[in-house]
Amino acid sequence: MLNPKKATPRILVTGATGYVGGRLIPHLLDEGYKVRCFIRNHEDINSRSWKNVEVFKGDVFDLKSLGQAMDGVDYAYYLIHSMAKGANFHQRDIQAAHNFGRIAQKKGVKRIIYLSGLGSKDDKALSEHLHSRQKTGKILAEYGVPVTEFRAAQIIGSGSVSFELIRYLTERLPIIVAPKWIRSWTQPIAIADVLYYLSHSLEIPETAGQVIEIGGSTRLTYAELFRTYAHLRNLKRRILVLPFLPTKILSYFVNFITPIPRNIATPLIEGLRNDVLVQNHTALELFKYEPMSVNEAIDIALKEQRFDKIETHWAGTGYSIHNRHFSEVKHIQREGLFVEEISGLTWADPSKVFHVIKCIGGSRGWPSYQFLWSLRGLIDQLQGGSGLQRGRRSQESLRVGDPLDFFRVETIEENELLRLQVDFKMPGRGWLEFSLKPHHQGHTVCQYNRNAPRLDKSIMDGLDMSQPIGQHRLTLRAIFEPFGFSGLLYWKSMLPFHKPLFKTTIQKIIEEAEKDFEKDDPKVS
């Protein structure tokens, strides 16, 4: 804890809404530091419960905003990178580091704490990703501000991109196909241990100007890492090594099997060809701290996912909804679930909108592309189901347990939520959900608990009182939990039909609800 007789240092955290930064800030607040966030979008911070945190909006490529954020700062955490931006990310990383180091020197920052990638400097085949991370540290140090550079291998924690890569591939593939890098050595580290090193480095002056390699207590090959995960999940998995499997093809495959996009998967996969092991004992000497084993780290990550306690996620804080009448269809993968959603704004009374929703199906049919619904009903009949012939109990009212064509009503909350569970044969479980919320421009977070008997209600909106009072946002979601690889193929095969179907459905519902409203209210244009 801080010495109460000394002035409380002010800490700047970049990458505050990222995976590591989002978890670091609560630690710093608990230690009593003054914390300032530097973010690109205020909406990204709306869903956080942090108190007494200063928020500065800007970009590391905008020197003016960066300078304003660093005014009065004692220590700065550099937790940003450009890997998600795609090609030439290393050039952006280098320019960003120059900007940050230059402004830190100008503003009198006492120290920069930076999280980099582990890898031997003597390895001539060091991947572009790891080379870029280490070069960033050198550039930060060029401007005279002492830098504490932590170098880590894969971070194991619920929601981390490294853990998600391991989890999805192992869960979904009975045979894991990999190139020869599967035999490379690694020393993964738990996110809790990373946070310990980052937060406690401020209390240890000797860490200034040091490159500190950190890792867990377990050294193993990537093949052993996959087998460890499989063992903890009681899964039987085999590993097939194809020595000449190109990275590009593998990145496409990873993108298909997992929610990790190719622009992130490619540099990650390339980095796996390098052995990433701790070569010195600086961390042990300075911190006197024993990190946990990989088994412990995976076990904690699995428990956090099981009990829906994922604090941050590699993909960021969520998926923003654009400020326009109809959003684009969003494709989301979270904790083993596939989600597609589209939303639209309406001035109509919520009861009118919800009445239109409650009357869909049965003798009135569906709002759009009725032939697609009929085709799916026919397929269900051929599989022994009742298709659309089951209809509804009542065309004007619904209650929990009611049939609705080939769905069944799971949840109904008047004027707010209707969730239908799919009631036909398919390799997984599925839901169709209509939710209606007062609209405030801001951030939307979707959280689904795959282990709960029913899906949790899933919208939280940031507030912006400049929005017109009275608008509501209607959101349509298709939610699917696949069973194995066949479930994954089924979902992928449905995607081409979903986009036109969902867009037109939400539009027709809103148009129907606003028919009378538009005649009477001059606000609607």
Protein backbone atom coordinates (compact mmCIF):
# COMPACT_ATOMS: atom_id res chain seq x y z
CA MET A 1 0.00 0.00 0.00
CA LEU A 2 0.99 3.61 -0.47
CA ASN A 3 2.70 5.63 2.23
CA PRO A 4 -0.02 8.05 3.47
CA LYS A 5 2.62 10.73 4.18
CA LYS A 6 3.63 10.94 0.53
CA ALA A 7 1.70 12.57 -2.29
CA THR A 8 -0.42 10.07 -4.19
CA PRO A 9 1.08 9.40 -7.64
CA ARG A 10 -1.09 9.87 -10.72
CA ILE A 11 -1.01 6.90 -13.09
CA LEU A 12 -1.86 7.03 -16.80
CA VAL A 13 -3.14 3.76 -18.28
CA THR A 14 -3.28 3.42 -22.05
CA GLY A 15 -5.20 0.48 -23.46
CA ALA A 16 -7.59 0.92 -20.53
CA THR A 17 -10.43 -0.92 -22.27
CA GLY A 18 -8.18 -3.72 -23.49
CA TYR A 19 -7.71 -7.14 -21.95
CA VAL A 20 -4.82 -6.33 -19.57
CA GLY A 21 -5.52 -2.63 -19.01
CA GLY A 22 -9.13 -3.27 -18.07
CA ARG A 23 -8.02 -5.64 -15.31
CA LEU A 24 -5.07 -3.54 -14.16
CA ILE A 25 -7.07 -0.42 -13.31
CA PRO A 26 -9.03 -1.99 -10.40
CA HIS A 27 -5.72 -3.18 -8.91
CA LEU A 28 -4.26 0.32 -9.07
CA LEU A 29 -7.40 1.81 -7.56
CA ASP A 30 -7.28 -0.71 -4.72
CA GLU A 31 -3.68 0.35 -4.04
CA GLY A 32 -4.83 3.95 -3.66
CA TYR A 33 -3.34 5.46 -6.83
CA LYS A 34 -4.94 8.26 -8.83
CA VAL A 35 -5.79 6.65 -12.16
CA ARG A 36 -6.26 8.33 -15.51
CA CYS A 37 -7.44 6.46 -18.63
CA PHE A 38 -6.46 7.40 -22.17
CA ILE A 39 -9.02 6.01 -24.62
CA ARG A 40 -10.19 6.62 -28.18
CA ASN A 41 -13.90 6.55 -27.41
CA HIS A 42 -15.75 7.58 -24.25
CA GLU A 43 -18.42 5.00 -25.04
CA ASP A 44 -15.88 2.23 -24.42
CA ILE A 45 -15.72 3.15 -20.72
CA ASN A 46 -19.47 3.49 -20.03
CA SER A 47 -20.04 -0.05 -18.81
CA ARG A 48 -17.20 0.02 -16.28
CA SER A 49 -17.96 0.37 -12.58
CA TRP A 50 -14.71 2.19 -11.79
CA LYS A 51 -15.02 5.19 -9.51
CA ASN A 52 -12.77 8.25 -9.33
CA VAL A 53 -11.09 7.50 -12.65
CA GLU A 54 -10.16 10.39 -14.94
CA VAL A 55 -10.96 9.77 -18.59
CA PHE A 56 -9.11 11.50 -21.42
CA LYS A 57 -10.24 10.96 -25.00
CA GLY A 58 -7.61 10.89 -27.71
CA ASP A 59 -5.23 8.81 -29.76
CA VAL A 60 -1.57 7.99 -29.43
CA PHE A 61 -1.11 9.34 -32.99
CA ASP A 62 -2.58 12.70 -31.92
CA LEU A 63 0.22 14.50 -30.08
CA LYS A 64 -2.06 17.23 -28.72
CA SER A 65 -4.48 14.82 -27.02
CA LEU A 66 -1.57 12.67 -25.83
CA GLY A 67 0.10 15.70 -24.26
CA GLN A 68 -3.09 16.70 -22.46
CA ALA A 69 -3.48 13.20 -21.07
CA MET A 70 0.11 13.20 -19.72
CA ASP A 71 -0.13 16.54 -17.89
CA GLY A 72 0.65 15.91 -14.22
CA VAL A 73 1.27 12.18 -14.71
CA ASP A 74 3.92 10.42 -12.58
CA TYR A 75 3.87 6.95 -14.14
CA ALA A 76 2.46 5.71 -17.45
CA TYR A 77 1.46 2.19 -18.49
CA TYR A 78 1.94 1.51 -22.18
CA LEU A 79 -0.48 -1.34 -22.99
CA ILE A 80 -1.43 -0.65 -26.59
CA HIS A 81 -0.51 -2.29 -29.88
CA SER A 82 -1.72 -2.16 -33.47
CA MET A 83 -1.91 -5.87 -34.26
CA ALA A 84 -5.68 -5.78 -34.73
CA LYS A 85 -5.27 -3.11 -37.43
CA GLY A 86 -3.93 -5.65 -39.89
CA ALA A 87 -0.99 -5.35 -42.28
CA ASN A 88 1.95 -3.08 -41.40
CA PHE A 89 0.98 -3.11 -37.73
CA HIS A 90 4.68 -2.97 -36.81
CA GLN A 91 5.06 0.42 -38.51
CA ARG A 92 2.17 1.83 -36.52
CA ASP A 93 3.63 0.36 -33.32
CA ILE A 94 6.97 2.09 -33.98
CA GLN A 95 5.38 5.47 -34.70
CA ALA A 96 3.14 5.20 -31.64
CA ALA A 97 6.16 4.39 -29.43
CA HIS A 98 8.06 7.43 -30.75
CA ASN A 99 5.08 9.68 -30.00
CA PHE A 100 4.59 8.26 -26.52
CA GLY A 101 8.26 8.43 -25.54
CA ARG A 102 8.64 11.99 -26.86
CA ILE A 103 5.58 13.33 -24.99
CA ALA A 104 6.48 11.42 -21.80
CA GLN A 105 9.87 13.11 -21.80
CA LYS A 106 8.36 16.54 -22.44
CA LYS A 107 5.81 16.16 -19.63
CA GLY A 108 8.30 14.88 -17.07
CA VAL A 109 6.88 11.39 -16.62
CA LYS A 110 9.01 9.50 -14.10
CA ARG A 111 8.66 6.02 -15.57
CA ILE A 112 6.96 4.03 -18.32
CA ILE A 113 5.80 0.47 -17.62
CA TYR A 114 5.43 -1.58 -20.79
CA LEU A 115 4.17 -5.13 -21.44
CA SER A 116 6.09 -6.76 -24.29
CA GLY A 117 6.54 -10.24 -25.78
CA LEU A 118 8.93 -12.91 -24.60
CA GLY A 119 11.49 -14.20 -27.10
CA SER A 120 15.26 -14.52 -27.30
CA LYS A 121 17.02 -11.53 -28.87
CA ASP A 122 19.52 -14.00 -30.35
CA ASP A 123 16.78 -15.76 -32.33
CA LYS A 124 17.29 -14.55 -35.92
CA ALA A 125 13.93 -16.06 -36.88
CA LEU A 126 12.02 -14.02 -34.30
CA SER A 127 8.51 -13.39 -35.66
CA GLU A 128 7.52 -9.95 -36.88
CA HIS A 129 5.04 -9.66 -34.02
CA LEU A 130 7.58 -10.41 -31.29
CA HIS A 131 10.25 -8.31 -33.00
CA SER A 132 7.84 -5.38 -33.13
CA ARG A 133 6.95 -5.71 -29.45
CA GLN A 134 10.60 -5.71 -28.38
CA LYS A 135 11.57 -2.87 -30.71
CA THR A 136 8.74 -0.81 -29.24
CA GLY A 137 10.36 -1.15 -25.81
CA LYS A 138 13.71 0.08 -27.17
CA ILE A 139 12.09 3.11 -28.79
CA LEU A 140 10.23 4.04 -25.62
CA ALA A 141 13.57 4.04 -23.76
CA GLU A 142 15.30 6.27 -26.34
CA TYR A 143 13.75 9.44 -24.95
CA GLY A 144 15.34 9.25 -21.50
CA VAL A 145 12.32 8.23 -19.44
CA PRO A 146 13.16 5.04 -17.48
CA VAL A 147 11.23 2.09 -18.88
CA THR A 148 10.25 -1.09 -17.06
CA GLU A 149 9.68 -3.60 -19.83
CA PHE A 150 7.99 -6.87 -18.91
CA ARG A 151 8.27 -9.64 -21.48
CA ALA A 152 5.70 -12.41 -21.29
CA ALA A 153 4.69 -15.41 -23.37
CA GLN A 154 1.03 -16.44 -23.74
CA ILE A 155 -1.26 -14.94 -21.10
CA ILE A 156 -3.68 -17.54 -19.74
CA GLY A 157 -6.94 -16.13 -18.44
CA SER A 158 -10.64 -16.16 -19.23
CA GLY A 159 -11.16 -14.04 -22.31
CA SER A 160 -7.49 -13.76 -23.33
CA VAL A 161 -6.80 -14.32 -27.02
CA SER A 162 -4.15 -16.97 -26.24
CA PHE A 163 -6.51 -18.91 -24.01
CA GLU A 164 -9.37 -18.59 -26.49
CA LEU A 165 -7.17 -19.99 -29.25
CA ILE A 166 -6.32 -23.03 -27.12
CA ARG A 167 -9.86 -23.45 -25.86
CA TYR A 168 -11.71 -23.28 -29.18
CA LEU A 169 -9.30 -25.52 -31.07
CA THR A 170 -9.25 -28.15 -28.32
CA GLU A 171 -13.00 -28.08 -27.66
CA ARG A 172 -14.03 -28.29 -31.31
CA LEU A 173 -11.45 -30.52 -32.95
CA PRO A 174 -11.01 -34.21 -32.03
CA ILE A 175 -7.80 -34.10 -34.09
CA ILE A 176 -5.74 -30.91 -33.84
CA VAL A 177 -3.84 -30.33 -37.08
CA ALA A 178 -0.72 -28.19 -36.57
CA PRO A 179 2.64 -27.44 -38.20
CA LYS A 180 5.95 -28.34 -36.58
CA TRP A 181 5.83 -25.31 -34.25
CA ILE A 182 3.57 -27.44 -32.07
CA ARG A 183 6.86 -28.80 -30.68
CA SER A 184 8.19 -25.33 -29.73
CA TRP A 185 8.64 -24.51 -26.06
CA THR A 186 6.65 -21.95 -24.13
CA GLN A 187 6.23 -20.68 -20.58
CA PRO A 188 2.68 -19.27 -20.36
CA ILE A 189 1.72 -17.02 -17.47
CA ALA A 190 -1.59 -16.47 -15.67
CA ILE A 191 -3.23 -13.06 -16.05
CA ALA A 192 -3.28 -12.75 -12.24
CA ASP A 193 0.51 -13.05 -12.17
CA VAL A 194 0.92 -10.49 -14.97
CA LEU A 195 -1.21 -8.04 -12.99
CA TYR A 196 0.87 -8.66 -9.87
CA TYR A 197 4.10 -7.80 -11.68
CA LEU A 198 2.64 -4.75 -13.40
CA SER A 199 1.03 -3.22 -10.33
CA HIS A 200 3.83 -3.97 -7.84
CA SER A 201 6.61 -2.68 -10.10
CA LEU A 202 5.70 0.84 -8.99
CA GLU A 203 6.75 -0.04 -5.45
CA ILE A 204 10.15 -1.39 -6.52
CA PRO A 205 12.45 1.39 -7.83
CA GLU A 206 15.01 -1.20 -8.96
CA THR A 207 12.67 -2.27 -11.78
CA ALA A 208 13.25 1.07 -13.57
CA GLY A 209 15.36 0.68 -16.70
CA GLN A 210 15.05 -3.12 -16.61
CA VAL A 211 13.88 -5.69 -19.14
CA ILE A 212 12.18 -8.28 -16.95
CA GLU A 213 11.17 -11.66 -18.35
CA ILE A 214 8.12 -13.16 -16.65
CA GLY A 215 6.52 -16.56 -17.01
CA GLY A 216 4.57 -19.16 -15.10
CA SER A 217 6.16 -22.02 -13.19
CA THR A 218 5.56 -24.53 -16.02
CA ARG A 219 7.69 -25.02 -19.13
CA LEU A 220 6.11 -27.16 -21.82
CA THR A 221 5.67 -27.52 -25.58
CA TYR A 222 2.57 -26.23 -27.33
CA ALA A 223 1.52 -29.83 -27.91
CA GLU A 224 1.69 -30.41 -24.16
CA LEU A 225 -0.26 -27.20 -23.59
CA PHE A 226 -3.14 -28.45 -25.76
CA ARG A 227 -3.02 -31.83 -24.04
CA THR A 228 -3.07 -30.15 -20.62
CA TYR A 229 -6.23 -28.26 -21.52
CA ALA A 230 -7.83 -31.41 -22.93
CA HIS A 231 -6.96 -33.35 -19.76
CA LEU A 232 -8.50 -30.70 -17.50
CA ARG A 233 -11.67 -30.81 -19.62
CA ASN A 234 -11.72 -34.63 -19.80
CA LEU A 235 -11.41 -34.53 -23.58
CA LYS A 236 -9.63 -37.10 -25.72
CA ARG A 237 -7.63 -35.26 -28.37
CA ARG A 238 -4.96 -36.26 -30.88
CA ILE A 239 -2.41 -33.98 -32.52
CA LEU A 240 -1.51 -34.41 -36.18
CA VAL A 241 1.70 -32.64 -37.27
CA LEU A 242 1.92 -31.44 -40.87
CA PRO A 243 5.44 -29.97 -41.21
CA PHE A 244 4.74 -27.86 -44.29
CA LEU A 245 1.39 -26.36 -43.30
CA PRO A 246 1.55 -22.66 -44.41
CA THR A 247 0.68 -19.96 -41.87
CA LYS A 248 -1.80 -18.33 -44.24
CA ILE A 249 -3.84 -21.51 -44.65
CA LEU A 250 -3.68 -22.14 -40.92
CA SER A 251 -4.88 -18.61 -40.15
CA TYR A 252 -7.93 -19.15 -42.41
CA PHE A 253 -8.61 -22.40 -40.60
CA VAL A 254 -8.29 -20.74 -37.17
CA ASN A 255 -10.63 -17.97 -38.29
CA PHE A 256 -13.18 -20.59 -39.35
CA ILE A 257 -12.98 -22.64 -36.15
CA THR A 258 -12.57 -19.79 -33.64
CA PRO A 259 -13.82 -16.18 -33.30
CA ILE A 260 -10.27 -14.87 -33.79
CA PRO A 261 -10.03 -12.89 -37.07
CA ARG A 262 -7.26 -13.62 -39.56
CA ASN A 263 -5.49 -10.29 -39.03
CA ILE A 264 -4.91 -11.27 -35.39
CA ALA A 265 -4.51 -15.01 -35.93
CA THR A 266 -1.71 -14.61 -38.49
CA PRO A 267 0.87 -12.80 -36.30
CA LEU A 268 -0.08 -14.95 -33.31
CA ILE A 269 0.53 -18.16 -35.27
CA GLU A 270 3.80 -16.85 -36.67
CA GLY A 271 4.96 -16.09 -33.13
CA LEU A 272 4.40 -19.70 -32.08
CA ARG A 273 7.38 -20.88 -34.10
CA ASN A 274 9.73 -19.30 -31.54
CA ASP A 275 10.66 -20.82 -28.20
CA VAL A 276 9.49 -18.33 -25.57
CA LEU A 277 11.12 -19.21 -22.25
CA VAL A 278 12.34 -17.07 -19.36
CA GLN A 279 16.12 -16.88 -19.63
CA ASN A 280 17.02 -14.80 -16.57
CA HIS A 281 15.92 -14.58 -12.94
CA THR A 282 15.49 -10.82 -12.62
CA ALA A 283 11.78 -11.17 -11.79
CA LEU A 284 12.48 -13.64 -8.98
CA GLU A 285 15.26 -11.48 -7.54
CA LEU A 286 13.27 -8.26 -7.55
CA PHE A 287 9.77 -9.47 -6.67
CA LYS A 288 10.35 -12.57 -4.50
CA TYR A 289 7.16 -13.93 -6.03
CA GLU A 290 6.28 -17.43 -7.21
CA PRO A 291 3.85 -17.50 -10.20
CA MET A 292 1.30 -20.27 -10.58
CA SER A 293 1.49 -23.35 -12.83
CA VAL A 294 -0.24 -23.64 -16.18
CA ASN A 295 -2.70 -26.17 -14.71
CA GLU A 296 -3.73 -23.66 -12.05
CA ALA A 297 -4.03 -20.85 -14.60
CA ILE A 298 -6.25 -22.90 -16.95
CA ASP A 299 -8.37 -24.14 -14.06
CA ILE A 300 -9.03 -20.58 -12.86
CA ALA A 301 -9.86 -19.42 -16.39
CA LEU A 302 -12.34 -22.27 -16.85
CA LYS A 303 -14.03 -21.51 -13.54
CA GLU A 304 -14.37 -17.82 -14.41
CA GLN A 305 -16.05 -18.77 -17.68
CA ARG A 306 -18.25 -21.36 -16.02
CA PHE A 307 -19.57 -18.84 -13.51
CA ASP A 308 -19.71 -15.95 -16.00
CA LYS A 309 -17.08 -13.87 -14.20
CA ILE A 310 -15.04 -12.79 -17.20
CA GLU A 311 -13.74 -9.35 -16.35
CA THR A 312 -12.30 -8.38 -19.74
CA HIS A 313 -12.16 -9.95 -23.19
CA TRP A 314 -9.54 -9.86 -25.96
CA ALA A 315 -12.04 -8.42 -28.44
CA GLY A 316 -12.53 -5.33 -26.30
CA THR A 317 -15.51 -4.12 -24.37
CA GLY A 318 -18.17 -5.16 -26.81
CA TYR A 319 -19.77 -4.28 -30.07
CA SER A 320 -20.94 -0.74 -30.60
CA ILE A 321 -24.24 -0.05 -32.29
CA HIS A 322 -24.13 2.72 -34.87
CA ASN A 323 -26.24 5.83 -34.43
CA ARG A 324 -28.63 5.28 -37.31
CA HIS A 325 -32.07 3.83 -37.81
CA PHE A 326 -30.96 0.30 -38.63
CA SER A 327 -27.63 -1.21 -37.65
CA GLU A 328 -25.69 -3.72 -39.69
CA VAL A 329 -25.95 -7.39 -38.79
CA LYS A 330 -23.39 -8.10 -36.06
CA HIS A 331 -21.59 -11.45 -35.89
CA ILE A 332 -20.45 -12.16 -32.34
CA GLN A 333 -18.75 -15.15 -30.75
CA ARG A 334 -18.68 -15.22 -26.99
CA GLU A 335 -17.80 -18.09 -24.65
CA GLY A 336 -18.76 -20.87 -27.08
CA LEU A 337 -21.93 -19.20 -28.37
CA PHE A 338 -22.61 -17.72 -31.80
CA VAL A 339 -24.75 -14.60 -31.82
CA GLU A 340 -26.14 -12.64 -34.75
CA GLU A 341 -27.98 -9.42 -34.05
CA ILE A 342 -29.48 -6.42 -35.77
CA SER A 343 -31.27 -3.46 -34.24
CA GLY A 344 -33.40 -0.51 -35.26
CA LEU A 345 -34.70 2.68 -33.65
CA THR A 346 -38.38 3.48 -33.41
CA TRP A 347 -40.55 6.30 -32.07
CA ALA A 348 -43.54 3.98 -31.74
CA ASP A 349 -45.00 3.19 -28.34
CA PRO A 350 -43.26 0.11 -26.84
CA SER A 351 -46.59 -1.64 -26.31
CA LYS A 352 -47.38 -1.25 -30.02
CA VAL A 353 -43.99 -2.63 -31.06
CA PHE A 354 -44.26 -5.54 -28.66
CA HIS A 355 -47.79 -6.34 -29.85
CA VAL A 356 -46.50 -6.69 -33.42
CA ILE A 357 -43.76 -9.03 -32.18
CA LYS A 358 -46.17 -11.16 -30.14
CA CYS A 359 -48.41 -11.71 -33.16
CA ILE A 360 -45.78 -13.11 -35.55
CA GLY A 361 -46.04 -16.67 -36.81
CA GLY A 362 -49.07 -18.91 -36.89
CA SER A 363 -51.78 -17.96 -39.37
CA ARG A 364 -50.27 -14.47 -39.89
CA GLY A 365 -46.90 -15.85 -40.94
CA TRP A 366 -43.56 -14.10 -40.48
CA PRO A 367 -42.82 -10.47 -41.37
CA SER A 368 -40.45 -11.23 -44.26
CA TYR A 369 -39.18 -14.02 -46.51
CA GLN A 370 -42.02 -16.35 -45.60
CA PHE A 371 -40.75 -18.86 -48.16
CA LEU A 372 -37.50 -19.26 -46.13
CA TRP A 373 -39.46 -19.98 -42.95
CA SER A 374 -41.65 -22.43 -44.89
CA LEU A 375 -38.56 -24.13 -46.33
CA ARG A 376 -37.08 -24.56 -42.86
CA GLY A 377 -40.42 -25.94 -41.67
CA LEU A 378 -40.42 -28.44 -44.54
CA ILE A 379 -36.90 -29.60 -43.62
CA ASP A 380 -38.09 -30.09 -40.04
CA GLN A 381 -41.04 -32.17 -41.26
CA LEU A 382 -38.74 -34.36 -43.35
CA GLN A 383 -36.73 -34.97 -40.17
CA GLY A 384 -39.86 -36.08 -38.32
CA GLY A 385 -40.85 -32.75 -36.79
CA SER A 386 -44.05 -30.73 -37.17
CA GLY A 387 -42.55 -27.77 -39.03
CA LEU A 388 -44.81 -24.73 -39.22
CA GLN A 389 -47.96 -26.84 -38.93
CA ARG A 390 -47.97 -26.65 -35.13
CA GLY A 391 -48.86 -22.96 -35.27
CA ARG A 392 -49.82 -21.11 -32.07
CA ARG A 393 -52.17 -21.55 -29.12
CA SER A 394 -53.54 -18.04 -29.67
CA GLN A 395 -52.79 -15.55 -32.42
CA GLU A 396 -53.11 -12.52 -30.08
CA SER A 397 -51.43 -13.65 -26.85
CA LEU A 398 -48.40 -15.60 -25.68
CA ARG A 399 -47.31 -17.19 -22.44
CA VAL A 400 -44.24 -19.16 -21.34
CA GLY A 401 -44.30 -22.69 -22.77
CA ASP A 402 -46.52 -21.83 -25.73
CA PRO A 403 -45.67 -23.29 -29.12
CA LEU A 404 -44.97 -20.78 -31.89
CA ASP A 405 -44.49 -22.69 -35.15
CA PHE A 406 -41.17 -24.55 -34.66
CA PHE A 407 -40.26 -22.45 -31.61
CA ARG A 408 -41.39 -22.54 -28.00
CA VAL A 409 -41.76 -19.46 -25.78
CA GLU A 410 -39.01 -19.56 -23.15
CA THR A 411 -39.19 -16.03 -21.69
CA ILE A 412 -41.65 -13.18 -22.08
CA GLU A 413 -41.38 -9.84 -20.29
CA GLU A 414 -44.11 -7.50 -21.43
CA ASN A 415 -42.88 -4.66 -23.66
CA GLU A 416 -39.25 -5.70 -23.07
CA LEU A 417 -38.25 -9.22 -24.06
CA LEU A 418 -39.50 -12.24 -25.99
CA ARG A 419 -37.16 -15.22 -26.20
CA LEU A 420 -38.09 -18.24 -28.29
CA GLN A 421 -36.25 -21.55 -28.03
CA VAL A 422 -35.77 -23.49 -31.26
CA ASP A 423 -37.80 -26.68 -31.15
CA PHE A 424 -36.57 -28.58 -34.20
CA LYS A 425 -33.71 -31.00 -34.75
CA MET A 426 -30.27 -29.49 -35.27
CA PRO A 427 -26.72 -30.09 -33.94
CA GLY A 428 -26.98 -27.61 -31.09
CA ARG A 429 -29.34 -25.41 -29.11
CA GLY A 430 -30.78 -22.19 -30.49
CA TRP A 431 -32.83 -19.17 -29.51
CA LEU A 432 -34.48 -16.27 -31.31
CA GLU A 433 -34.72 -13.17 -29.14
CA PHE A 434 -36.54 -9.84 -29.50
CA SER A 435 -35.57 -7.20 -26.94
CA LEU A 436 -36.90 -3.65 -26.63
CA LYS A 437 -35.05 -1.00 -24.64
CA PRO A 438 -35.15 2.78 -24.22
CA HIS A 439 -32.49 4.10 -26.56
CA HIS A 440 -29.47 6.03 -25.34
CA GLN A 441 -26.49 6.40 -27.64
CA GLY A 442 -23.75 4.42 -26.00
CA HIS A 443 -22.12 1.11 -25.53
CA THR A 444 -23.75 -2.29 -25.67
CA VAL A 445 -22.31 -5.32 -23.91
CA CYS A 446 -23.55 -8.84 -24.63
CA GLN A 447 -22.89 -11.48 -22.02
CA TYR A 448 -24.19 -15.03 -22.25
CA ASN A 449 -23.68 -17.80 -19.73
CA ARG A 450 -23.51 -21.05 -21.67
CA ASN A 451 -23.82 -23.16 -18.49
CA ALA A 452 -26.97 -21.53 -17.15
CA PRO A 453 -30.26 -23.34 -17.86
CA ARG A 454 -31.51 -20.13 -19.48
CA LEU A 455 -29.66 -17.28 -21.12
CA ASP A 456 -29.25 -14.12 -19.09
CA LYS A 457 -30.84 -10.86 -20.18
CA SER A 458 -28.06 -9.19 -22.02
CA ILE A 459 -28.15 -5.46 -22.68
CA MET A 460 -26.51 -2.61 -20.79
CA ASP A 461 -26.57 0.83 -22.40
CA GLY A 462 -24.34 3.80 -21.66
CA LEU A 463 -26.19 7.08 -21.22
CA ASP A 464 -26.13 10.11 -23.49
CA MET A 465 -28.87 12.58 -22.61
CA SER A 466 -28.44 14.39 -25.93
CA GLN A 467 -30.46 11.62 -27.55
CA PRO A 468 -34.14 12.34 -28.27
CA ILE A 469 -36.40 11.23 -25.43
CA GLY A 470 -38.91 8.56 -26.42
CA GLN A 471 -36.97 6.45 -28.89
CA HIS A 472 -36.61 2.72 -28.30
CA ARG A 473 -34.18 0.23 -29.78
CA LEU A 474 -35.56 -3.05 -31.01
CA THR A 475 -32.93 -5.78 -31.27
CA LEU A 476 -33.32 -9.17 -32.93
CA ARG A 477 -30.81 -11.85 -31.95
CA ALA A 478 -30.24 -15.38 -33.13
CA ILE A 479 -28.25 -17.31 -30.54
CA PHE A 480 -26.72 -20.71 -31.19
CA GLU A 481 -24.74 -23.11 -29.02
CA PRO A 482 -23.15 -25.67 -31.37
CA PHE A 483 -22.66 -29.32 -30.50
CA GLY A 484 -19.25 -30.24 -31.88
CA PHE A 485 -17.93 -29.69 -35.39
CA SER A 486 -21.26 -30.52 -37.05
CA GLY A 487 -22.84 -27.67 -35.10
CA LEU A 488 -20.18 -25.29 -36.35
CA LEU A 489 -20.80 -26.35 -39.98
CA TYR A 490 -24.56 -25.98 -39.50
CA TRP A 491 -24.21 -22.42 -38.21
CA LYS A 492 -21.87 -21.41 -41.03
CA SER A 493 -24.28 -22.81 -43.61
CA MET A 494 -27.13 -20.69 -42.22
CA LEU A 495 -25.27 -17.35 -42.31
CA PRO A 496 -26.04 -16.47 -45.97
CA PHE A 497 -29.78 -16.75 -45.25
CA HIS A 498 -29.74 -14.88 -41.94
CA LYS A 499 -28.54 -11.48 -43.18
CA PRO A 500 -31.43 -10.65 -45.56
CA LEU A 501 -33.93 -12.41 -43.32
CA PHE A 502 -33.06 -10.55 -40.12
CA LYS A 503 -32.63 -7.14 -41.74
CA THR A 504 -36.04 -7.26 -43.39
CA THR A 505 -37.73 -8.77 -40.33
CA ILE A 506 -36.67 -5.96 -37.99
CA GLN A 507 -37.55 -3.36 -40.61
CA LYS A 508 -41.04 -4.77 -41.20
CA ILE A 509 -41.80 -4.97 -37.46
CA ILE A 510 -40.83 -1.32 -36.95
CA GLU A 511 -42.73 -0.18 -40.04
CA GLU A 512 -45.85 -1.97 -38.84
CA ALA A 513 -45.55 -0.50 -35.34
CA GLU A 514 -45.04 3.04 -36.66
CA LYS A 515 -47.97 3.08 -39.12
CA ASP A 516 -50.39 4.99 -36.89
CA PHE A 517 -47.65 6.87 -35.04
CA GLU A 518 -46.29 8.55 -38.17
CA LYS A 519 -49.73 9.96 -39.08
CA ASP A 520 -50.18 11.70 -35.72
CA ASP A 521 -46.71 12.81 -34.59
CA PRO A 522 -44.94 15.64 -36.46
CA LYS A 523 -41.55 14.70 -34.89
CA VAL A 524 -41.21 11.73 -37.19
CA SER A 525 -39.67 12.58 -40.55
